[in-house]
Structures are given as C-alpha cells and as structure tokens.
Amino acid sequence: MTAASSGLQDLWPFYALRLTTGDLELRYPTEAELPGFAEIIERGIHPPDEMPFGIAWTDLPAARRNLESYQWWMGSRGRWSPDDWTLTFGVWEAGRAVGFQDLRGHEFPRYRTVASGSWLGLEFQRRGIGKLMRQAVLGLAFDHLGAQVAETEAFIDNPASNKVSLGVGYEANGFGQLAPRGVPRPTQRFRLTLEGWRARPRPALRVEGLEACLHMFGLPAADEGAPIGG
C-alpha cells in the first residue's frame, strides 16, 4: 500500500483493498497515479479503425478524453451506494500500470449479480493479462462478496474479449446491439454462475483490506455471523 493510500483509507476504505494474482496487482489508484493511466490511453488501447466499447470515449480529443476519464474515475466514488456501485481498479503488472478493470453491482444485496468491463494498453495485450485481471475481480465477487451471477457483453467482432469470457467459463446468453459510432453493431451477451465459476480451475487470489469495505456493499462484517462466500 502506498503512503498516500494508507493515509486516505479512513475517508475511502477501498484504498485498503488490494487483489494480487500472479504478477498482477489490482487496487484503487490515488489521484496522483491517474495521469499514468491517461498516458496508457494516449498510447493506444485499440486500433483506430476499431471500437470495442459501447461508448466511443477513446475517439474524443485528448484534452476532453482526459477530463471525462478523470470525472468518471472520481465520479464513480462520489456516486457510490450499496445499491449501485462500480469498483474501478487500476491494474499493475510487476509494478507497472497496464490498464483498468471495473466490477459493477446494481442492487447487489438483493440480486447478487455483477458485471465487468476493462481496458488494457495495446503493448500489454495478447499476454493473458486480460483474462487474469477478469479472474481476479470474479474471485472477489464470487468467493468473497457472495455473488451468484456475473454478466458481461462484447461486440461479436471482438474475438479477444469473447475468448476471455469463454475461457473464464461464461456461457453465451443471447444477443444485443450497441452503436458507439452511430451504427448498430451486434453484441454477444455472456453469463457465469457461481457453480460454473467453481467448476473450473482458477488462479490463486490474495485479497487484502476487504473487511473495512464490506459495509460499502451493504454486507455484514465477517464477525457478525453471516457467511460471505456462499
């Protein structure tokens, strides 16, 4: 934990939360670390002629993109509630920032369902990092927060993302469409259950600092008697 994050965790307990798997570390970036992620985006996270996201935010001019990215990162903290939350993890490989991994919950105490999204710098793709960071947040959700279902969606013409979903254990769950650049494109929806998650081998995951965060999800502390992992 950085000195800055340890000093802020009383104000924002998620600064204490850290996921470690293999050479990857997932944690909340401090404000001082956010420019490093903006630099990754500037270097490119997908070819210019492709758009893998439901909103074409990477098409924006750099100054506007940086502003809106910062507003998103900080706004997700300000809007947090147990009924509507987004965990915005920075991802580091061997200490080097490589991308972002989100985990989202809507009315999570009731439905126990999560969704996810991510991006990864072009220079770090095709090395298994995307799969491993998805598995990290799914391990947090299923094995530590009591999730029952995980959902995700990607364009049909995004084979890399779809390969990650299938490799983790998701099953196809219908189709949708999104139009980030104004033209509708078909999407593949995926669904993964707790049983499906636990039916496959998965990498070891170390979770630190979760106890102080449980109330943020509307979950009881571990010493209050309710099992978290299901």
C-alpha atoms as a PDB file:
ATOM      1  CA  MET A   1       0.000   0.000   0.000  1.00  0.00           C
ATOM      2  CA  THR A   2       1.326   3.430  -0.893  1.00  0.00           C
ATOM      3  CA  ALA A   3       1.797   6.060   1.796  1.00  0.00           C
ATOM      4  CA  ALA A   4      -0.857   8.226   0.182  1.00  0.00           C
ATOM      5  CA  SER A   5      -3.443   5.444   0.057  1.00  0.00           C
ATOM      6  CA  SER A   6      -2.797   4.412   3.667  1.00  0.00           C
ATOM      7  CA  GLY A   7      -3.439   7.993   4.763  1.00  0.00           C
ATOM      8  CA  LEU A   8      -6.718   8.193   2.814  1.00  0.00           C
ATOM      9  CA  GLN A   9      -8.289   4.843   3.688  1.00  0.00           C
ATOM     10  CA  ASP A  10     -10.260   6.257   6.622  1.00  0.00           C
ATOM     11  CA  LEU A  11     -12.004   8.550   4.117  1.00  0.00           C
ATOM     12  CA  TRP A  12     -12.282   5.978   1.315  1.00  0.00           C
ATOM     13  CA  PRO A  13     -11.850   2.429   2.657  1.00  0.00           C
ATOM     14  CA  PHE A  14     -11.281   0.978  -0.797  1.00  0.00           C
ATOM     15  CA  TYR A  15      -7.760   2.403  -0.746  1.00  0.00           C
ATOM     16  CA  ALA A  16      -7.006  -0.530   1.586  1.00  0.00           C
ATOM     17  CA  LEU A  17      -8.423  -3.123  -0.834  1.00  0.00           C
ATOM     18  CA  ARG A  18      -5.838  -4.995  -2.869  1.00  0.00           C
ATOM     19  CA  LEU A  19      -6.134  -8.045  -5.137  1.00  0.00           C
ATOM     20  CA  THR A  20      -2.975  -9.957  -6.035  1.00  0.00           C
ATOM     21  CA  THR A  21      -2.785 -12.800  -8.539  1.00  0.00           C
ATOM     22  CA  GLY A  22       0.379 -13.895 -10.315  1.00  0.00           C
ATOM     23  CA  ASP A  23       2.343 -10.767 -11.228  1.00  0.00           C
ATOM     24  CA  LEU A  24      -0.808  -8.622 -11.195  1.00  0.00           C
ATOM     25  CA  GLU A  25      -1.980  -6.224  -8.519  1.00  0.00           C
ATOM     26  CA  LEU A  26      -5.419  -4.599  -8.663  1.00  0.00           C
ATOM     27  CA  ARG A  27      -6.181  -1.649  -6.400  1.00  0.00           C
ATOM     28  CA  TYR A  28      -7.684   1.830  -6.384  1.00  0.00           C
ATOM     29  CA  PRO A  29      -5.260   4.360  -7.871  1.00  0.00           C
ATOM     30  CA  THR A  30      -4.653   7.564  -5.970  1.00  0.00           C
ATOM     31  CA  GLU A  31      -5.285  10.814  -7.830  1.00  0.00           C
ATOM     32  CA  ALA A  32      -1.530  11.218  -8.256  1.00  0.00           C
ATOM     33  CA  GLU A  33      -1.400   7.880 -10.124  1.00  0.00           C
ATOM     34  CA  LEU A  34      -4.224   8.608 -12.570  1.00  0.00           C
ATOM     35  CA  PRO A  35      -2.085  10.524 -15.116  1.00  0.00           C
ATOM     36  CA  GLY A  36      -0.100   7.334 -15.682  1.00  0.00           C
ATOM     37  CA  PHE A  37      -3.254   5.586 -16.866  1.00  0.00           C
ATOM     38  CA  ALA A  38      -4.159   8.546 -19.098  1.00  0.00           C
ATOM     39  CA  GLU A  39      -0.751   8.117 -20.736  1.00  0.00           C
ATOM     40  CA  ILE A  40      -1.529   4.468 -21.486  1.00  0.00           C
ATOM     41  CA  ILE A  41      -4.781   5.515 -23.148  1.00  0.00           C
ATOM     42  CA  GLU A  42      -2.915   8.146 -25.178  1.00  0.00           C
ATOM     43  CA  ARG A  43      -0.504   5.489 -26.476  1.00  0.00           C
ATOM     44  CA  GLY A  44      -3.488   3.416 -27.595  1.00  0.00           C
ATOM     45  CA  ILE A  45      -5.713   0.669 -26.252  1.00  0.00           C
ATOM     46  CA  HIS A  46      -7.209  -0.457 -29.583  1.00  0.00           C
ATOM     47  CA  PRO A  47      -6.532   0.131 -33.308  1.00  0.00           C
ATOM     48  CA  PRO A  48      -8.049   3.439 -34.536  1.00  0.00           C
ATOM     49  CA  ASP A  49     -10.320   1.673 -37.041  1.00  0.00           C
ATOM     50  CA  GLU A  50     -11.891  -0.468 -34.285  1.00  0.00           C
ATOM     51  CA  MET A  51     -14.232   0.453 -31.429  1.00  0.00           C
ATOM     52  CA  PRO A  52     -14.592  -2.245 -28.757  1.00  0.00           C
ATOM     53  CA  PHE A  53     -16.550  -0.085 -26.292  1.00  0.00           C
ATOM     54  CA  GLY A  54     -20.262   0.662 -26.072  1.00  0.00           C
ATOM     55  CA  ILE A  55     -19.431   4.381 -25.774  1.00  0.00           C
ATOM     56  CA  ALA A  56     -16.798   5.759 -28.167  1.00  0.00           C
ATOM     57  CA  TRP A  57     -14.890   7.579 -25.441  1.00  0.00           C
ATOM     58  CA  THR A  58     -11.484   6.865 -26.976  1.00  0.00           C
ATOM     59  CA  ASP A  59     -12.483   8.860 -30.100  1.00  0.00           C
ATOM     60  CA  LEU A  60     -12.518  12.102 -28.104  1.00  0.00           C
ATOM     61  CA  PRO A  61      -9.688  14.649 -28.400  1.00  0.00           C
ATOM     62  CA  ALA A  62      -7.052  14.049 -25.745  1.00  0.00           C
ATOM     63  CA  ALA A  63      -7.905  17.036 -23.529  1.00  0.00           C
ATOM     64  CA  ARG A  64     -11.607  16.200 -23.417  1.00  0.00           C
ATOM     65  CA  ARG A  65     -10.930  12.478 -23.009  1.00  0.00           C
ATOM     66  CA  ASN A  66      -8.612  13.119 -20.080  1.00  0.00           C
ATOM     67  CA  LEU A  67     -11.186  15.369 -18.405  1.00  0.00           C
ATOM     68  CA  GLU A  68     -14.042  12.907 -18.878  1.00  0.00           C
ATOM     69  CA  SER A  69     -11.894   9.964 -17.783  1.00  0.00           C
ATOM     70  CA  TYR A  70     -10.974  11.809 -14.599  1.00  0.00           C
ATOM     71  CA  GLN A  71     -14.620  12.716 -13.994  1.00  0.00           C
ATOM     72  CA  TRP A  72     -15.581   9.065 -14.467  1.00  0.00           C
ATOM     73  CA  TRP A  73     -12.922   7.737 -12.121  1.00  0.00           C
ATOM     74  CA  MET A  74     -13.706  10.240  -9.382  1.00  0.00           C
ATOM     75  CA  GLY A  75     -17.458  10.298 -10.033  1.00  0.00           C
ATOM     76  CA  SER A  76     -17.726   6.552  -9.503  1.00  0.00           C
ATOM     77  CA  ARG A  77     -16.550   7.175  -5.936  1.00  0.00           C
ATOM     78  CA  GLY A  78     -18.899  10.081  -5.333  1.00  0.00           C
ATOM     79  CA  ARG A  79     -21.924   8.173  -6.675  1.00  0.00           C
ATOM     80  CA  TRP A  80     -21.216   5.010  -4.674  1.00  0.00           C
ATOM     81  CA  SER A  81     -24.056   3.352  -2.800  1.00  0.00           C
ATOM     82  CA  PRO A  82     -24.650  -0.282  -1.738  1.00  0.00           C
ATOM     83  CA  ASP A  83     -27.420  -0.433  -4.349  1.00  0.00           C
ATOM     84  CA  ASP A  84     -25.395   0.971  -7.251  1.00  0.00           C
ATOM     85  CA  TRP A  85     -21.603   0.754  -7.299  1.00  0.00           C
ATOM     86  CA  THR A  86     -18.613   0.474  -9.591  1.00  0.00           C
ATOM     87  CA  LEU A  87     -15.217  -0.665  -8.385  1.00  0.00           C
ATOM     88  CA  THR A  88     -12.590   0.963 -10.605  1.00  0.00           C
ATOM     89  CA  PHE A  89      -9.378  -0.991 -10.120  1.00  0.00           C
ATOM     90  CA  GLY A  90      -6.108   0.105 -11.626  1.00  0.00           C
ATOM     91  CA  VAL A  91      -4.073  -2.889 -12.774  1.00  0.00           C
ATOM     92  CA  TRP A  92      -0.309  -3.154 -12.331  1.00  0.00           C
ATOM     93  CA  GLU A  93       1.951  -5.906 -13.672  1.00  0.00           C
ATOM     94  CA  ALA A  94       5.157  -6.245 -11.650  1.00  0.00           C
ATOM     95  CA  GLY A  95       4.662  -2.662 -10.501  1.00  0.00           C
ATOM     96  CA  ARG A  96       3.931  -1.159 -13.943  1.00  0.00           C
ATOM     97  CA  ALA A  97       0.489   0.276 -14.727  1.00  0.00           C
ATOM     98  CA  VAL A  98      -1.138  -1.628 -17.614  1.00  0.00           C
ATOM     99  CA  GLY A  99      -4.894  -0.929 -17.585  1.00  0.00           C
ATOM    100  CA  PHE A 100      -8.178  -0.765 -15.693  1.00  0.00           C
ATOM    101  CA  GLN A 101     -10.653  -3.400 -14.536  1.00  0.00           C
ATOM    102  CA  ASP A 102     -14.160  -2.475 -13.383  1.00  0.00           C
ATOM    103  CA  LEU A 103     -16.613  -4.527 -11.355  1.00  0.00           C
ATOM    104  CA  ARG A 104     -20.199  -3.263 -11.099  1.00  0.00           C
ATOM    105  CA  GLY A 105     -23.186  -4.137  -8.943  1.00  0.00           C
ATOM    106  CA  HIS A 106     -26.775  -2.889  -9.193  1.00  0.00           C
ATOM    107  CA  GLU A 107     -28.942  -3.715  -6.179  1.00  0.00           C
ATOM    108  CA  PHE A 108     -26.255  -6.239  -5.308  1.00  0.00           C
ATOM    109  CA  PRO A 109     -27.534  -7.188  -1.816  1.00  0.00           C
ATOM    110  CA  ARG A 110     -30.769  -8.278  -3.494  1.00  0.00           C
ATOM    111  CA  TYR A 111     -29.702  -9.810  -6.821  1.00  0.00           C
ATOM    112  CA  ARG A 112     -26.090 -10.842  -6.093  1.00  0.00           C
ATOM    113  CA  THR A 113     -25.228 -10.149  -9.743  1.00  0.00           C
ATOM    114  CA  VAL A 114     -22.144  -8.334 -11.034  1.00  0.00           C
ATOM    115  CA  ALA A 115     -20.957  -7.042 -14.385  1.00  0.00           C
ATOM    116  CA  SER A 116     -17.490  -6.111 -15.549  1.00  0.00           C
ATOM    117  CA  GLY A 117     -15.590  -4.007 -18.044  1.00  0.00           C
ATOM    118  CA  SER A 118     -11.929  -3.378 -18.726  1.00  0.00           C
ATOM    119  CA  TRP A 119      -9.279  -1.892 -20.952  1.00  0.00           C
ATOM    120  CA  LEU A 120      -5.619  -2.729 -21.427  1.00  0.00           C
ATOM    121  CA  GLY A 121      -2.811  -0.860 -23.178  1.00  0.00           C
ATOM    122  CA  LEU A 122      -2.010  -2.239 -26.627  1.00  0.00           C
ATOM    123  CA  GLU A 123       1.549  -3.089 -25.614  1.00  0.00           C
ATOM    124  CA  PHE A 124       0.237  -5.338 -22.819  1.00  0.00           C
ATOM    125  CA  GLN A 125      -2.349  -7.260 -24.831  1.00  0.00           C
ATOM    126  CA  ARG A 126      -2.170 -10.891 -26.035  1.00  0.00           C
ATOM    127  CA  ARG A 127      -0.199 -11.955 -22.959  1.00  0.00           C
ATOM    128  CA  GLY A 128      -3.010 -13.341 -20.800  1.00  0.00           C
ATOM    129  CA  ILE A 129      -3.270 -10.233 -18.619  1.00  0.00           C
ATOM    130  CA  GLY A 130      -6.876  -9.521 -19.628  1.00  0.00           C
ATOM    131  CA  LYS A 131      -8.009 -12.976 -18.575  1.00  0.00           C
ATOM    132  CA  LEU A 132      -6.111 -12.873 -15.300  1.00  0.00           C
ATOM    133  CA  MET A 133      -7.446  -9.474 -14.225  1.00  0.00           C
ATOM    134  CA  ARG A 134     -11.018 -10.575 -15.056  1.00  0.00           C
ATOM    135  CA  GLN A 135     -10.499 -13.696 -12.964  1.00  0.00           C
ATOM    136  CA  ALA A 136      -9.248 -11.531 -10.099  1.00  0.00           C
ATOM    137  CA  VAL A 137     -12.430  -9.463  -9.860  1.00  0.00           C
ATOM    138  CA  LEU A 138     -14.601 -12.544 -10.363  1.00  0.00           C
ATOM    139  CA  GLY A 139     -12.737 -14.210  -7.497  1.00  0.00           C
ATOM    140  CA  LEU A 140     -13.503 -11.186  -5.343  1.00  0.00           C
ATOM    141  CA  ALA A 141     -17.156 -11.241  -6.366  1.00  0.00           C
ATOM    142  CA  PHE A 142     -17.881 -14.968  -6.118  1.00  0.00           C
ATOM    143  CA  ASP A 143     -15.554 -16.076  -3.346  1.00  0.00           C
ATOM    144  CA  HIS A 144     -15.577 -13.032  -1.075  1.00  0.00           C
ATOM    145  CA  LEU A 145     -18.717 -10.946  -1.726  1.00  0.00           C
ATOM    146  CA  GLY A 146     -21.251 -13.721  -2.211  1.00  0.00           C
ATOM    147  CA  ALA A 147     -22.105 -13.087  -5.869  1.00  0.00           C
ATOM    148  CA  GLN A 148     -24.263 -15.699  -7.574  1.00  0.00           C
ATOM    149  CA  VAL A 149     -24.072 -14.495 -11.198  1.00  0.00           C
ATOM    150  CA  ALA A 150     -21.655 -12.492 -13.367  1.00  0.00           C
ATOM    151  CA  GLU A 151     -22.691 -10.971 -16.681  1.00  0.00           C
ATOM    152  CA  THR A 152     -20.741  -9.352 -19.493  1.00  0.00           C
ATOM    153  CA  GLU A 153     -21.224  -8.273 -23.106  1.00  0.00           C
ATOM    154  CA  ALA A 154     -18.932  -7.644 -26.071  1.00  0.00           C
ATOM    155  CA  PHE A 155     -19.271  -6.999 -29.771  1.00  0.00           C
ATOM    156  CA  ILE A 156     -19.410 -10.165 -31.847  1.00  0.00           C
ATOM    157  CA  ASP A 157     -16.488  -8.822 -33.896  1.00  0.00           C
ATOM    158  CA  ASN A 158     -14.320  -8.530 -30.741  1.00  0.00           C
ATOM    159  CA  PRO A 159     -12.911 -12.070 -30.606  1.00  0.00           C
ATOM    160  CA  ALA A 160     -10.280 -11.245 -27.968  1.00  0.00           C
ATOM    161  CA  SER A 161     -12.856 -10.204 -25.361  1.00  0.00           C
ATOM    162  CA  ASN A 162     -15.179 -13.066 -26.239  1.00  0.00           C
ATOM    163  CA  LYS A 163     -12.299 -15.528 -25.970  1.00  0.00           C
ATOM    164  CA  VAL A 164     -11.529 -14.269 -22.463  1.00  0.00           C
ATOM    165  CA  SER A 165     -15.167 -14.672 -21.409  1.00  0.00           C
ATOM    166  CA  LEU A 166     -15.395 -18.216 -22.749  1.00  0.00           C
ATOM    167  CA  GLY A 167     -12.013 -19.109 -21.296  1.00  0.00           C
ATOM    168  CA  VAL A 168     -13.068 -17.971 -17.830  1.00  0.00           C
ATOM    169  CA  GLY A 169     -16.230 -20.078 -18.024  1.00  0.00           C
ATOM    170  CA  TYR A 170     -19.030 -17.755 -19.133  1.00  0.00           C
ATOM    171  CA  GLU A 171     -21.757 -19.203 -21.341  1.00  0.00           C
ATOM    172  CA  ALA A 172     -23.414 -17.400 -24.248  1.00  0.00           C
ATOM    173  CA  ASN A 173     -26.646 -15.782 -23.100  1.00  0.00           C
ATOM    174  CA  GLY A 174     -28.310 -14.111 -26.068  1.00  0.00           C
ATOM    175  CA  PHE A 175     -27.559 -11.113 -28.223  1.00  0.00           C
ATOM    176  CA  GLY A 176     -27.852  -7.347 -28.071  1.00  0.00           C
ATOM    177  CA  GLN A 177     -26.662  -4.331 -30.010  1.00  0.00           C
ATOM    178  CA  LEU A 178     -24.819  -1.095 -29.344  1.00  0.00           C
ATOM    179  CA  ALA A 179     -23.969   1.863 -31.576  1.00  0.00           C
ATOM    180  CA  PRO A 180     -20.895   3.676 -30.216  1.00  0.00           C
ATOM    181  CA  ARG A 181     -20.217   5.376 -33.559  1.00  0.00           C
ATOM    182  CA  GLY A 182     -23.853   5.744 -34.588  1.00  0.00           C
ATOM    183  CA  VAL A 183     -24.253   2.457 -36.469  1.00  0.00           C
ATOM    184  CA  PRO A 184     -25.772  -0.500 -34.542  1.00  0.00           C
ATOM    185  CA  ARG A 185     -23.492  -3.497 -34.162  1.00  0.00           C
ATOM    186  CA  PRO A 186     -24.473  -6.892 -32.713  1.00  0.00           C
ATOM    187  CA  THR A 187     -23.173  -7.953 -29.322  1.00  0.00           C
ATOM    188  CA  GLN A 188     -22.847 -11.307 -27.617  1.00  0.00           C
ATOM    189  CA  ARG A 189     -24.035 -11.485 -24.014  1.00  0.00           C
ATOM    190  CA  PHE A 190     -22.498 -13.903 -21.544  1.00  0.00           C
ATOM    191  CA  ARG A 191     -23.483 -15.263 -18.123  1.00  0.00           C
ATOM    192  CA  LEU A 192     -21.444 -17.090 -15.485  1.00  0.00           C
ATOM    193  CA  THR A 193     -22.951 -18.668 -12.365  1.00  0.00           C
ATOM    194  CA  LEU A 194     -21.267 -19.401  -9.057  1.00  0.00           C
ATOM    195  CA  GLU A 195     -21.445 -23.097  -9.875  1.00  0.00           C
ATOM    196  CA  GLY A 196     -19.801 -22.510 -13.246  1.00  0.00           C
ATOM    197  CA  TRP A 197     -17.072 -20.420 -11.644  1.00  0.00           C
ATOM    198  CA  ARG A 198     -16.250 -23.074  -9.078  1.00  0.00           C
ATOM    199  CA  ALA A 199     -16.364 -25.909 -11.618  1.00  0.00           C
ATOM    200  CA  ARG A 200     -13.135 -24.741 -13.288  1.00  0.00           C
ATOM    201  CA  PRO A 201      -9.585 -24.372 -12.029  1.00  0.00           C
ATOM    202  CA  ARG A 202      -8.773 -20.738 -11.293  1.00  0.00           C
ATOM    203  CA  PRO A 203      -5.606 -18.923 -10.295  1.00  0.00           C
ATOM    204  CA  ALA A 204      -4.767 -18.212  -6.677  1.00  0.00           C
ATOM    205  CA  LEU A 205      -6.002 -14.832  -5.477  1.00  0.00           C
ATOM    206  CA  ARG A 206      -4.943 -12.892  -2.414  1.00  0.00           C
ATOM    207  CA  VAL A 207      -7.479 -10.342  -1.133  1.00  0.00           C
ATOM    208  CA  GLU A 208      -6.359  -7.771   1.414  1.00  0.00           C
ATOM    209  CA  GLY A 209      -8.262  -4.971   3.123  1.00  0.00           C
ATOM    210  CA  LEU A 210     -11.768  -6.224   2.326  1.00  0.00           C
ATOM    211  CA  GLU A 211     -13.080  -6.277   5.901  1.00  0.00           C
ATOM    212  CA  ALA A 212     -13.113  -2.485   6.131  1.00  0.00           C
ATOM    213  CA  CYS A 213     -15.051  -2.280   2.845  1.00  0.00           C
ATOM    214  CA  LEU A 214     -17.889  -4.768   3.433  1.00  0.00           C
ATOM    215  CA  HIS A 215     -20.337  -2.155   4.714  1.00  0.00           C
ATOM    216  CA  MET A 216     -19.894  -0.273   1.425  1.00  0.00           C
ATOM    217  CA  PHE A 217     -21.557  -3.223  -0.329  1.00  0.00           C
ATOM    218  CA  GLY A 218     -24.355  -3.458   2.228  1.00  0.00           C
ATOM    219  CA  LEU A 219     -22.798  -6.671   3.562  1.00  0.00           C
ATOM    220  CA  PRO A 220     -22.241  -7.598   7.222  1.00  0.00           C
ATOM    221  CA  ALA A 221     -18.784  -7.759   8.675  1.00  0.00           C
ATOM    222  CA  ALA A 222     -17.336 -11.269   8.860  1.00  0.00           C
ATOM    223  CA  ASP A 223     -17.587 -11.276  12.650  1.00  0.00           C
ATOM    224  CA  GLU A 224     -21.348 -10.621  12.523  1.00  0.00           C
ATOM    225  CA  GLY A 225     -22.030 -14.232  11.678  1.00  0.00           C
ATOM    226  CA  ALA A 226     -23.255 -14.168   8.072  1.00  0.00           C
ATOM    227  CA  PRO A 227     -21.151 -16.152   5.579  1.00  0.00           C
ATOM    228  CA  ILE A 228     -19.874 -14.008   2.718  1.00  0.00           C
ATOM    229  CA  GLY A 229     -18.555 -16.518   0.214  1.00  0.00           C
ATOM    230  CA  GLY A 230     -21.739 -18.551  -0.166  1.00  0.00           C
END
